[in-house]
Amino acid sequence: MKPQPSATKPSPVRAVALLGLLTALCTVLRIVKVPIPNVQPVTDILMIVTLLLGFRWGFSLTMSTLIVSNLFLGFGLWTLPQIVAYACCMVIVIVMVTILPVIRRRIWLQIGLAGLLGYLYGFTVSLGMAVIGSLNGLGFWAYYVSGLPFDTYHAIGNLVFYPIVLAILRQGLQRFDRGGAHFETLHKSR
């Protein structure tokens, strides 16, 4: 007997509802921050969504989160580099799990990757701002180095939040996807 389409693929209504809920969660977490700058679990959520549901989901969530949250935080020249930076992070996640599939089975590798994404995000945003601001080579490096403490906060926050966010999101996304292939291979938090 052939499975019903709804049993193998989520309905578009459920997909839009999930995207809306995840966007709302990420938006709130970007606005209501921990008192330490750049410490927020949004990067972890985007990474986990990308790992479990794919790049298209990760990128859609990136776009919707940045657009909705910047309605509150403000749009500016930094918005485009933020979008590009998160897109680069999601591409790196996909490339890394393609090259090293063991990442899906080892939580410590996922946590390490999440930490590195904090630095990649900061570097990419700095590069984008340097292009927009027409900074030369030394100007870029001065700008980037001055932001390294904040990138470090971002990376440490990712390291701390990742296992917590994974435990919560894995359950909810598994219900949505109804046991898709990535859920069996992604490490279960213990």
N, C-alpha and C. Protein backbone atom coordinates (compact mmCIF):
# COMPACT_ATOMS: atom_id res chain seq x y z
N MET A 1 0.84 -1.18 0.00
CA MET A 1 0.00 0.00 0.00
C MET A 1 0.89 1.25 0.00
N LYS A 2 0.58 2.17 -0.86
CA LYS A 2 1.35 3.41 -1.00
C LYS A 2 0.94 4.40 0.10
N PRO A 3 1.97 5.04 0.78
CA PRO A 3 1.61 6.00 1.83
C PRO A 3 0.92 7.22 1.25
N GLN A 4 0.04 7.80 2.05
CA GLN A 4 -0.66 9.01 1.65
C GLN A 4 0.35 10.16 1.55
N PRO A 5 0.19 11.05 0.57
CA PRO A 5 1.13 12.18 0.43
C PRO A 5 1.27 12.99 1.71
N SER A 6 0.19 13.17 2.46
CA SER A 6 0.26 13.97 3.67
C SER A 6 1.09 13.29 4.75
N ALA A 7 1.23 11.96 4.66
CA ALA A 7 2.02 11.25 5.66
C ALA A 7 3.51 11.34 5.36
N THR A 8 3.89 11.63 4.13
CA THR A 8 5.30 11.70 3.79
C THR A 8 5.81 13.12 3.62
N LYS A 9 4.94 14.04 3.30
CA LYS A 9 5.36 15.42 3.09
C LYS A 9 4.40 16.34 3.83
N PRO A 10 4.96 17.27 4.64
CA PRO A 10 4.07 18.18 5.37
C PRO A 10 3.27 19.06 4.41
N SER A 11 2.07 19.41 4.83
CA SER A 11 1.22 20.26 4.00
C SER A 11 1.80 21.67 3.94
N PRO A 12 1.48 22.41 2.86
CA PRO A 12 1.96 23.80 2.76
C PRO A 12 1.48 24.67 3.92
N VAL A 13 0.30 24.40 4.41
CA VAL A 13 -0.23 25.18 5.54
C VAL A 13 0.63 24.95 6.78
N ARG A 14 0.97 23.69 7.03
CA ARG A 14 1.83 23.39 8.18
C ARG A 14 3.21 24.00 8.00
N ALA A 15 3.71 23.99 6.77
CA ALA A 15 5.04 24.56 6.49
C ALA A 15 5.04 26.06 6.77
N VAL A 16 4.02 26.77 6.31
CA VAL A 16 3.93 28.22 6.55
C VAL A 16 3.76 28.49 8.05
N ALA A 17 2.96 27.68 8.71
CA ALA A 17 2.77 27.86 10.15
C ALA A 17 4.08 27.64 10.90
N LEU A 18 4.83 26.61 10.53
CA LEU A 18 6.11 26.36 11.18
C LEU A 18 7.09 27.50 10.91
N LEU A 19 7.16 27.96 9.68
CA LEU A 19 8.05 29.08 9.36
C LEU A 19 7.66 30.32 10.17
N GLY A 20 6.36 30.57 10.30
CA GLY A 20 5.89 31.71 11.09
C GLY A 20 6.26 31.59 12.56
N LEU A 21 6.10 30.39 13.12
CA LEU A 21 6.44 30.18 14.53
C LEU A 21 7.95 30.32 14.76
N LEU A 22 8.74 29.72 13.88
CA LEU A 22 10.20 29.82 14.02
C LEU A 22 10.68 31.25 13.83
N THR A 23 10.05 31.97 12.90
CA THR A 23 10.39 33.39 12.69
C THR A 23 10.07 34.19 13.93
N ALA A 24 8.91 33.95 14.52
CA ALA A 24 8.52 34.66 15.74
C ALA A 24 9.50 34.35 16.87
N LEU A 25 9.88 33.08 17.01
CA LEU A 25 10.83 32.69 18.05
C LEU A 25 12.17 33.40 17.85
N CYS A 26 12.70 33.34 16.64
CA CYS A 26 14.00 33.98 16.36
C CYS A 26 13.92 35.49 16.53
N THR A 27 12.81 36.09 16.13
CA THR A 27 12.65 37.54 16.26
C THR A 27 12.66 37.94 17.73
N VAL A 28 11.90 37.24 18.53
CA VAL A 28 11.85 37.54 19.97
C VAL A 28 13.24 37.36 20.58
N LEU A 29 13.93 36.30 20.19
CA LEU A 29 15.26 36.04 20.75
C LEU A 29 16.30 37.06 20.27
N ARG A 30 16.09 37.67 19.12
CA ARG A 30 17.00 38.74 18.67
C ARG A 30 16.72 40.04 19.41
N ILE A 31 15.46 40.27 19.76
CA ILE A 31 15.09 41.53 20.40
C ILE A 31 15.33 41.48 21.91
N VAL A 32 14.84 40.42 22.55
CA VAL A 32 15.01 40.25 24.00
C VAL A 32 16.31 39.49 24.19
N LYS A 33 17.37 40.23 24.43
CA LYS A 33 18.70 39.64 24.47
C LYS A 33 19.15 39.40 25.89
N VAL A 34 20.11 38.51 25.99
CA VAL A 34 20.85 38.34 27.23
C VAL A 34 21.64 39.64 27.40
N PRO A 35 21.94 40.05 28.63
CA PRO A 35 22.64 41.31 28.81
C PRO A 35 24.03 41.38 28.17
N ILE A 36 24.56 40.26 27.70
CA ILE A 36 25.86 40.26 27.04
C ILE A 36 25.63 40.47 25.54
N PRO A 37 26.30 41.42 24.91
CA PRO A 37 26.07 41.69 23.49
C PRO A 37 26.39 40.48 22.61
N ASN A 38 25.59 40.30 21.58
CA ASN A 38 25.75 39.26 20.56
C ASN A 38 25.50 37.85 21.07
N VAL A 39 25.02 37.69 22.29
CA VAL A 39 24.72 36.36 22.81
C VAL A 39 23.23 36.13 22.63
N GLN A 40 22.91 35.30 21.65
CA GLN A 40 21.53 34.96 21.34
C GLN A 40 21.54 33.63 20.57
N PRO A 41 20.54 32.80 20.76
CA PRO A 41 20.57 31.48 20.12
C PRO A 41 20.07 31.43 18.67
N VAL A 42 19.94 32.56 18.01
CA VAL A 42 19.39 32.58 16.66
C VAL A 42 20.27 31.79 15.69
N THR A 43 21.59 31.96 15.77
CA THR A 43 22.49 31.22 14.88
C THR A 43 22.32 29.72 15.08
N ASP A 44 22.18 29.28 16.32
CA ASP A 44 21.98 27.87 16.61
C ASP A 44 20.67 27.36 16.00
N ILE A 45 19.62 28.15 16.13
CA ILE A 45 18.33 27.75 15.57
C ILE A 45 18.44 27.62 14.05
N LEU A 46 19.07 28.59 13.42
CA LEU A 46 19.23 28.53 11.96
C LEU A 46 20.06 27.32 11.54
N MET A 47 21.11 27.01 12.30
CA MET A 47 21.93 25.84 11.98
C MET A 47 21.14 24.56 12.13
N ILE A 48 20.40 24.43 13.20
CA ILE A 48 19.63 23.21 13.44
C ILE A 48 18.54 23.04 12.39
N VAL A 49 17.85 24.11 12.07
CA VAL A 49 16.82 24.04 11.03
C VAL A 49 17.44 23.64 9.69
N THR A 50 18.61 24.20 9.38
CA THR A 50 19.29 23.84 8.14
C THR A 50 19.71 22.37 8.16
N LEU A 51 20.23 21.90 9.28
CA LEU A 51 20.63 20.49 9.38
C LEU A 51 19.45 19.54 9.23
N LEU A 52 18.34 19.91 9.83
CA LEU A 52 17.20 18.99 9.87
C LEU A 52 16.25 19.11 8.68
N LEU A 53 16.08 20.32 8.17
CA LEU A 53 15.10 20.52 7.10
C LEU A 53 15.72 20.96 5.78
N GLY A 54 17.00 21.34 5.79
CA GLY A 54 17.68 21.68 4.55
C GLY A 54 17.94 23.18 4.40
N PHE A 55 18.76 23.49 3.38
CA PHE A 55 19.18 24.87 3.14
C PHE A 55 18.01 25.79 2.85
N ARG A 56 17.06 25.33 2.06
CA ARG A 56 15.93 26.18 1.70
C ARG A 56 15.18 26.66 2.94
N TRP A 57 14.99 25.76 3.89
CA TRP A 57 14.34 26.13 5.15
C TRP A 57 15.22 27.10 5.94
N GLY A 58 16.51 26.78 6.03
CA GLY A 58 17.42 27.65 6.78
C GLY A 58 17.47 29.05 6.20
N PHE A 59 17.54 29.14 4.87
CA PHE A 59 17.61 30.45 4.23
C PHE A 59 16.28 31.20 4.37
N SER A 60 15.17 30.51 4.21
CA SER A 60 13.85 31.15 4.38
C SER A 60 13.70 31.70 5.79
N LEU A 61 14.13 30.91 6.76
CA LEU A 61 14.05 31.37 8.16
C LEU A 61 15.00 32.55 8.38
N THR A 62 16.16 32.53 7.77
CA THR A 62 17.09 33.65 7.88
C THR A 62 16.45 34.93 7.36
N MET A 63 15.92 34.86 6.15
CA MET A 63 15.31 36.05 5.54
C MET A 63 14.14 36.57 6.38
N SER A 64 13.24 35.69 6.74
CA SER A 64 12.06 36.13 7.48
C SER A 64 12.44 36.68 8.85
N THR A 65 13.41 36.05 9.52
CA THR A 65 13.84 36.52 10.84
C THR A 65 14.46 37.90 10.75
N LEU A 66 15.35 38.10 9.78
CA LEU A 66 16.02 39.40 9.68
C LEU A 66 15.06 40.51 9.26
N ILE A 67 14.14 40.20 8.38
CA ILE A 67 13.18 41.22 7.95
C ILE A 67 12.25 41.60 9.10
N VAL A 68 11.68 40.60 9.77
CA VAL A 68 10.73 40.89 10.85
C VAL A 68 11.44 41.53 12.05
N SER A 69 12.59 40.99 12.45
CA SER A 69 13.28 41.55 13.62
C SER A 69 13.80 42.95 13.34
N ASN A 70 14.23 43.21 12.11
CA ASN A 70 14.72 44.56 11.79
C ASN A 70 13.59 45.57 11.66
N LEU A 71 12.34 45.11 11.57
CA LEU A 71 11.22 46.05 11.69
C LEU A 71 11.22 46.69 13.07
N PHE A 72 11.69 45.93 14.07
CA PHE A 72 11.76 46.44 15.44
C PHE A 72 13.12 47.07 15.74
N LEU A 73 14.19 46.42 15.27
CA LEU A 73 15.54 46.88 15.58
C LEU A 73 16.03 47.97 14.65
N GLY A 74 15.43 48.06 13.47
CA GLY A 74 15.81 49.07 12.50
C GLY A 74 16.56 48.49 11.32
N PHE A 75 16.18 48.96 10.14
CA PHE A 75 16.88 48.58 8.91
C PHE A 75 17.99 49.58 8.67
N GLY A 76 19.02 49.13 8.03
CA GLY A 76 20.11 50.02 7.68
C GLY A 76 21.06 49.32 6.73
N LEU A 77 22.20 49.93 6.51
CA LEU A 77 23.19 49.35 5.62
C LEU A 77 23.65 47.98 6.10
N TRP A 78 23.54 47.70 7.38
CA TRP A 78 23.98 46.45 7.96
C TRP A 78 23.05 45.28 7.64
N THR A 79 21.82 45.54 7.21
CA THR A 79 20.86 44.46 6.99
C THR A 79 21.32 43.51 5.88
N LEU A 80 21.78 44.04 4.78
CA LEU A 80 22.23 43.18 3.68
C LEU A 80 23.44 42.32 4.09
N PRO A 81 24.47 42.89 4.73
CA PRO A 81 25.56 42.02 5.19
C PRO A 81 25.10 40.97 6.21
N GLN A 82 24.11 41.28 7.03
CA GLN A 82 23.58 40.28 7.96
C GLN A 82 22.95 39.11 7.21
N ILE A 83 22.17 39.42 6.20
CA ILE A 83 21.52 38.37 5.40
C ILE A 83 22.59 37.51 4.71
N VAL A 84 23.57 38.18 4.10
CA VAL A 84 24.64 37.45 3.42
C VAL A 84 25.43 36.61 4.42
N ALA A 85 25.70 37.15 5.60
CA ALA A 85 26.47 36.43 6.61
C ALA A 85 25.74 35.17 7.07
N TYR A 86 24.45 35.29 7.36
CA TYR A 86 23.70 34.10 7.78
C TYR A 86 23.57 33.10 6.63
N ALA A 87 23.41 33.58 5.40
CA ALA A 87 23.35 32.67 4.25
C ALA A 87 24.68 31.92 4.11
N CYS A 88 25.79 32.62 4.29
CA CYS A 88 27.11 31.97 4.25
C CYS A 88 27.23 30.91 5.35
N CYS A 89 26.73 31.24 6.53
CA CYS A 89 26.77 30.27 7.63
C CYS A 89 25.98 29.01 7.27
N MET A 90 24.80 29.19 6.65
CA MET A 90 23.98 28.02 6.30
C MET A 90 24.65 27.21 5.18
N VAL A 91 25.31 27.88 4.25
CA VAL A 91 26.04 27.17 3.19
C VAL A 91 27.17 26.35 3.81
N ILE A 92 27.89 26.95 4.75
CA ILE A 92 28.99 26.24 5.42
C ILE A 92 28.46 25.01 6.15
N VAL A 93 27.31 25.13 6.80
CA VAL A 93 26.72 23.98 7.49
C VAL A 93 26.45 22.85 6.50
N ILE A 94 25.82 23.18 5.38
CA ILE A 94 25.51 22.16 4.37
C ILE A 94 26.78 21.55 3.80
N VAL A 95 27.76 22.38 3.48
CA VAL A 95 29.02 21.88 2.91
C VAL A 95 29.73 20.98 3.92
N MET A 96 29.78 21.41 5.17
CA MET A 96 30.48 20.62 6.19
C MET A 96 29.84 19.25 6.41
N VAL A 97 28.52 19.19 6.48
CA VAL A 97 27.88 17.88 6.70
C VAL A 97 27.93 17.02 5.44
N THR A 98 28.10 17.65 4.28
CA THR A 98 28.27 16.87 3.05
C THR A 98 29.67 16.28 3.00
N ILE A 99 30.67 17.08 3.34
CA ILE A 99 32.05 16.61 3.33
C ILE A 99 32.32 15.66 4.49
N LEU A 100 31.81 16.02 5.67
CA LEU A 100 32.03 15.22 6.88
C LEU A 100 30.68 14.81 7.48
N PRO A 101 30.06 13.75 6.95
CA PRO A 101 28.74 13.35 7.47
C PRO A 101 28.75 12.97 8.95
N VAL A 102 29.93 12.70 9.50
CA VAL A 102 30.02 12.35 10.92
C VAL A 102 29.53 13.50 11.81
N ILE A 103 29.51 14.71 11.28
CA ILE A 103 29.04 15.87 12.06
C ILE A 103 27.60 15.64 12.52
N ARG A 104 26.80 14.98 11.71
CA ARG A 104 25.40 14.73 12.09
C ARG A 104 25.29 13.81 13.30
N ARG A 105 26.30 12.98 13.54
CA ARG A 105 26.22 11.99 14.61
C ARG A 105 26.99 12.37 15.87
N ARG A 106 27.75 13.44 15.82
CA ARG A 106 28.59 13.83 16.95
C ARG A 106 28.22 15.24 17.41
N ILE A 107 27.61 15.29 18.58
CA ILE A 107 27.15 16.59 19.08
C ILE A 107 28.32 17.54 19.32
N TRP A 108 29.45 17.05 19.73
CA TRP A 108 30.59 17.93 19.99
C TRP A 108 31.08 18.59 18.71
N LEU A 109 30.97 17.89 17.58
CA LEU A 109 31.33 18.51 16.29
C LEU A 109 30.31 19.57 15.90
N GLN A 110 29.04 19.31 16.18
CA GLN A 110 28.00 20.29 15.90
C GLN A 110 28.20 21.53 16.76
N ILE A 111 28.53 21.32 18.03
CA ILE A 111 28.75 22.45 18.93
C ILE A 111 29.95 23.26 18.46
N GLY A 112 31.02 22.58 18.07
CA GLY A 112 32.20 23.27 17.55
C GLY A 112 31.89 24.08 16.30
N LEU A 113 31.11 23.49 15.40
CA LEU A 113 30.70 24.19 14.19
C LEU A 113 29.86 25.41 14.53
N ALA A 114 28.96 25.27 15.50
CA ALA A 114 28.13 26.40 15.93
C ALA A 114 29.01 27.54 16.46
N GLY A 115 30.04 27.19 17.22
CA GLY A 115 30.96 28.22 17.72
C GLY A 115 31.69 28.93 16.59
N LEU A 116 32.15 28.16 15.61
CA LEU A 116 32.85 28.76 14.47
C LEU A 116 31.93 29.66 13.66
N LEU A 117 30.65 29.34 13.62
CA LEU A 117 29.70 30.18 12.89
C LEU A 117 29.61 31.58 13.49
N GLY A 118 29.83 31.70 14.80
CA GLY A 118 29.84 33.03 15.42
C GLY A 118 30.93 33.90 14.82
N TYR A 119 32.11 33.31 14.60
CA TYR A 119 33.21 34.07 13.98
C TYR A 119 32.97 34.30 12.49
N LEU A 120 32.44 33.29 11.79
CA LEU A 120 32.16 33.45 10.36
C LEU A 120 31.14 34.56 10.13
N TYR A 121 30.10 34.57 10.95
CA TYR A 121 29.08 35.61 10.84
C TYR A 121 29.70 37.00 11.02
N GLY A 122 30.51 37.16 12.07
CA GLY A 122 31.14 38.45 12.33
C GLY A 122 32.08 38.88 11.22
N PHE A 123 32.86 37.93 10.70
CA PHE A 123 33.79 38.25 9.63
C PHE A 123 33.03 38.69 8.38
N THR A 124 31.96 37.96 8.04
CA THR A 124 31.20 38.27 6.83
C THR A 124 30.48 39.61 6.94
N VAL A 125 29.91 39.89 8.10
CA VAL A 125 29.26 41.19 8.30
C VAL A 125 30.31 42.31 8.20
N SER A 126 31.47 42.11 8.81
CA SER A 126 32.53 43.11 8.74
C SER A 126 32.98 43.33 7.31
N LEU A 127 33.11 42.25 6.55
CA LEU A 127 33.51 42.36 5.15
C LEU A 127 32.46 43.13 4.35
N GLY A 128 31.20 42.82 4.60
CA GLY A 128 30.11 43.54 3.93
C GLY A 128 30.10 45.01 4.27
N MET A 129 30.31 45.32 5.53
CA MET A 129 30.34 46.72 5.94
C MET A 129 31.56 47.44 5.38
N ALA A 130 32.66 46.72 5.23
CA ALA A 130 33.86 47.32 4.62
C ALA A 130 33.61 47.65 3.16
N VAL A 131 32.91 46.77 2.46
CA VAL A 131 32.59 47.03 1.05
C VAL A 131 31.65 48.22 0.96
N ILE A 132 30.62 48.23 1.79
CA ILE A 132 29.66 49.35 1.77
C ILE A 132 30.34 50.66 2.15
N GLY A 133 31.24 50.59 3.15
CA GLY A 133 31.92 51.80 3.61
C GLY A 133 33.19 52.14 2.85
N SER A 134 33.49 51.38 1.82
CA SER A 134 34.68 51.61 0.98
C SER A 134 35.97 51.65 1.81
N LEU A 135 36.09 50.70 2.75
CA LEU A 135 37.31 50.64 3.56
C LEU A 135 38.40 49.93 2.76
N ASN A 136 39.63 50.43 2.90
CA ASN A 136 40.75 49.75 2.24
C ASN A 136 41.18 48.56 3.11
N GLY A 137 42.25 47.89 2.74
CA GLY A 137 42.71 46.70 3.46
C GLY A 137 42.92 46.90 4.94
N LEU A 138 43.69 47.93 5.31
CA LEU A 138 43.96 48.17 6.73
C LEU A 138 42.71 48.63 7.46
N GLY A 139 41.89 49.41 6.81
CA GLY A 139 40.64 49.85 7.42
C GLY A 139 39.73 48.68 7.75
N PHE A 140 39.67 47.72 6.82
CA PHE A 140 38.85 46.53 7.06
C PHE A 140 39.37 45.78 8.27
N TRP A 141 40.69 45.54 8.33
CA TRP A 141 41.25 44.75 9.43
C TRP A 141 41.07 45.45 10.77
N ALA A 142 41.18 46.77 10.78
CA ALA A 142 40.94 47.52 12.02
C ALA A 142 39.48 47.36 12.45
N TYR A 143 38.58 47.47 11.50
CA TYR A 143 37.14 47.31 11.78
C TYR A 143 36.86 45.90 12.29
N TYR A 144 37.42 44.90 11.62
CA TYR A 144 37.18 43.51 12.00
C TYR A 144 37.75 43.19 13.37
N VAL A 145 38.99 43.58 13.62
CA VAL A 145 39.63 43.28 14.90
C VAL A 145 38.90 43.96 16.05
N SER A 146 38.38 45.17 15.82
CA SER A 146 37.64 45.85 16.89
C SER A 146 36.34 45.12 17.22
N GLY A 147 35.83 44.33 16.29
CA GLY A 147 34.61 43.56 16.54
C GLY A 147 34.84 42.16 17.06
N LEU A 148 36.10 41.71 17.14
CA LEU A 148 36.39 40.35 17.57
C LEU A 148 35.86 40.00 18.97
N PRO A 149 35.92 40.90 19.94
CA PRO A 149 35.32 40.53 21.24
C PRO A 149 33.83 40.18 21.12
N PHE A 150 33.11 40.90 20.27
CA PHE A 150 31.69 40.63 20.09
C PHE A 150 31.47 39.32 19.34
N ASP A 151 32.36 39.02 18.38
CA ASP A 151 32.29 37.74 17.68
C ASP A 151 32.57 36.59 18.66
N THR A 152 33.47 36.85 19.60
CA THR A 152 33.77 35.83 20.62
C THR A 152 32.56 35.60 21.53
N TYR A 153 31.87 36.67 21.91
CA TYR A 153 30.64 36.51 22.69
C TYR A 153 29.63 35.68 21.91
N HIS A 154 29.51 35.99 20.62
CA HIS A 154 28.58 35.26 19.75
C HIS A 154 28.95 33.78 19.71
N ALA A 155 30.24 33.48 19.51
CA ALA A 155 30.71 32.10 19.43
C ALA A 155 30.47 31.35 20.75
N ILE A 156 30.79 31.99 21.87
CA ILE A 156 30.59 31.35 23.17
C ILE A 156 29.10 31.11 23.43
N GLY A 157 28.28 32.10 23.08
CA GLY A 157 26.83 31.93 23.22
C GLY A 157 26.34 30.75 22.40
N ASN A 158 26.85 30.61 21.17
CA ASN A 158 26.46 29.48 20.33
C ASN A 158 26.85 28.16 20.98
N LEU A 159 28.06 28.10 21.56
CA LEU A 159 28.53 26.88 22.21
C LEU A 159 27.63 26.50 23.38
N VAL A 160 27.22 27.49 24.14
CA VAL A 160 26.39 27.24 25.33
C VAL A 160 24.96 26.87 24.95
N PHE A 161 24.38 27.62 24.02
CA PHE A 161 22.97 27.43 23.68
C PHE A 161 22.72 26.19 22.81
N TYR A 162 23.68 25.77 22.00
CA TYR A 162 23.43 24.73 21.00
C TYR A 162 22.79 23.45 21.59
N PRO A 163 23.36 22.84 22.64
CA PRO A 163 22.74 21.59 23.14
C PRO A 163 21.31 21.80 23.64
N ILE A 164 21.06 22.96 24.23
CA ILE A 164 19.72 23.26 24.76
C ILE A 164 18.73 23.42 23.61
N VAL A 165 19.11 24.22 22.62
CA VAL A 165 18.24 24.48 21.47
C VAL A 165 18.01 23.20 20.68
N LEU A 166 19.06 22.39 20.53
CA LEU A 166 18.93 21.12 19.79
C LEU A 166 17.91 20.20 20.46
N ALA A 167 17.98 20.09 21.78
CA ALA A 167 17.06 19.21 22.50
C ALA A 167 15.61 19.65 22.30
N ILE A 168 15.37 20.95 22.29
CA ILE A 168 14.01 21.46 22.15
C ILE A 168 13.54 21.39 20.70
N LEU A 169 14.34 21.90 19.78
CA LEU A 169 13.92 21.96 18.37
C LEU A 169 13.82 20.59 17.72
N ARG A 170 14.70 19.69 18.09
CA ARG A 170 14.70 18.36 17.48
C ARG A 170 13.35 17.69 17.66
N GLN A 171 12.81 17.79 18.86
CA GLN A 171 11.49 17.19 19.13
C GLN A 171 10.40 17.82 18.28
N GLY A 172 10.34 19.14 18.29
CA GLY A 172 9.29 19.82 17.55
C GLY A 172 9.41 19.64 16.05
N LEU A 173 10.61 19.72 15.53
CA LEU A 173 10.80 19.57 14.09
C LEU A 173 10.60 18.13 13.64
N GLN A 174 10.88 17.19 14.52
CA GLN A 174 10.65 15.79 14.18
C GLN A 174 9.15 15.53 14.03
N ARG A 175 8.36 16.14 14.87
CA ARG A 175 6.90 16.01 14.74
C ARG A 175 6.43 16.60 13.42
N PHE A 176 7.02 17.73 13.04
CA PHE A 176 6.65 18.37 11.78
C PHE A 176 7.03 17.49 10.59
N ASP A 177 8.25 16.99 10.60
CA ASP A 177 8.77 16.23 9.46
C ASP A 177 8.33 14.76 9.48
N ARG A 178 7.80 14.32 10.60
CA ARG A 178 7.36 12.92 10.76
C ARG A 178 8.48 11.92 10.50
N GLY A 179 9.62 12.18 11.12
CA GLY A 179 10.71 11.20 11.06
C GLY A 179 11.50 11.21 9.77
N GLY A 180 11.79 12.36 9.22
CA GLY A 180 12.59 12.43 8.00
C GLY A 180 13.98 11.85 8.20
N ALA A 181 14.69 11.63 7.12
CA ALA A 181 15.98 10.94 7.15
C ALA A 181 16.99 11.63 8.06
N HIS A 182 17.00 12.95 8.11
CA HIS A 182 18.00 13.65 8.90
C HIS A 182 17.83 13.44 10.39
N PHE A 183 16.63 13.12 10.84
CA PHE A 183 16.39 12.98 12.26
C PHE A 183 17.02 11.71 12.82
N GLU A 184 17.09 10.67 12.01
CA GLU A 184 17.72 9.44 12.50
C GLU A 184 19.22 9.61 12.60
N THR A 185 19.82 10.48 11.80
CA THR A 185 21.26 10.62 11.80
C THR A 185 21.76 11.74 12.69
N LEU A 186 20.92 12.72 13.02
CA LEU A 186 21.37 13.82 13.88
C LEU A 186 21.43 13.33 15.32
N HIS A 187 22.52 13.59 15.97
CA HIS A 187 22.77 13.11 17.33
C HIS A 187 21.63 13.46 18.26
N LYS A 188 21.21 12.49 19.04
CA LYS A 188 20.19 12.76 20.04
C LYS A 188 20.88 13.28 21.30
N SER A 189 20.39 14.38 21.82
CA SER A 189 20.94 14.93 23.06
C SER A 189 20.62 13.98 24.20
N ARG A 190 21.61 13.78 25.05
CA ARG A 190 21.40 12.86 26.18
C ARG A 190 21.32 13.60 27.47
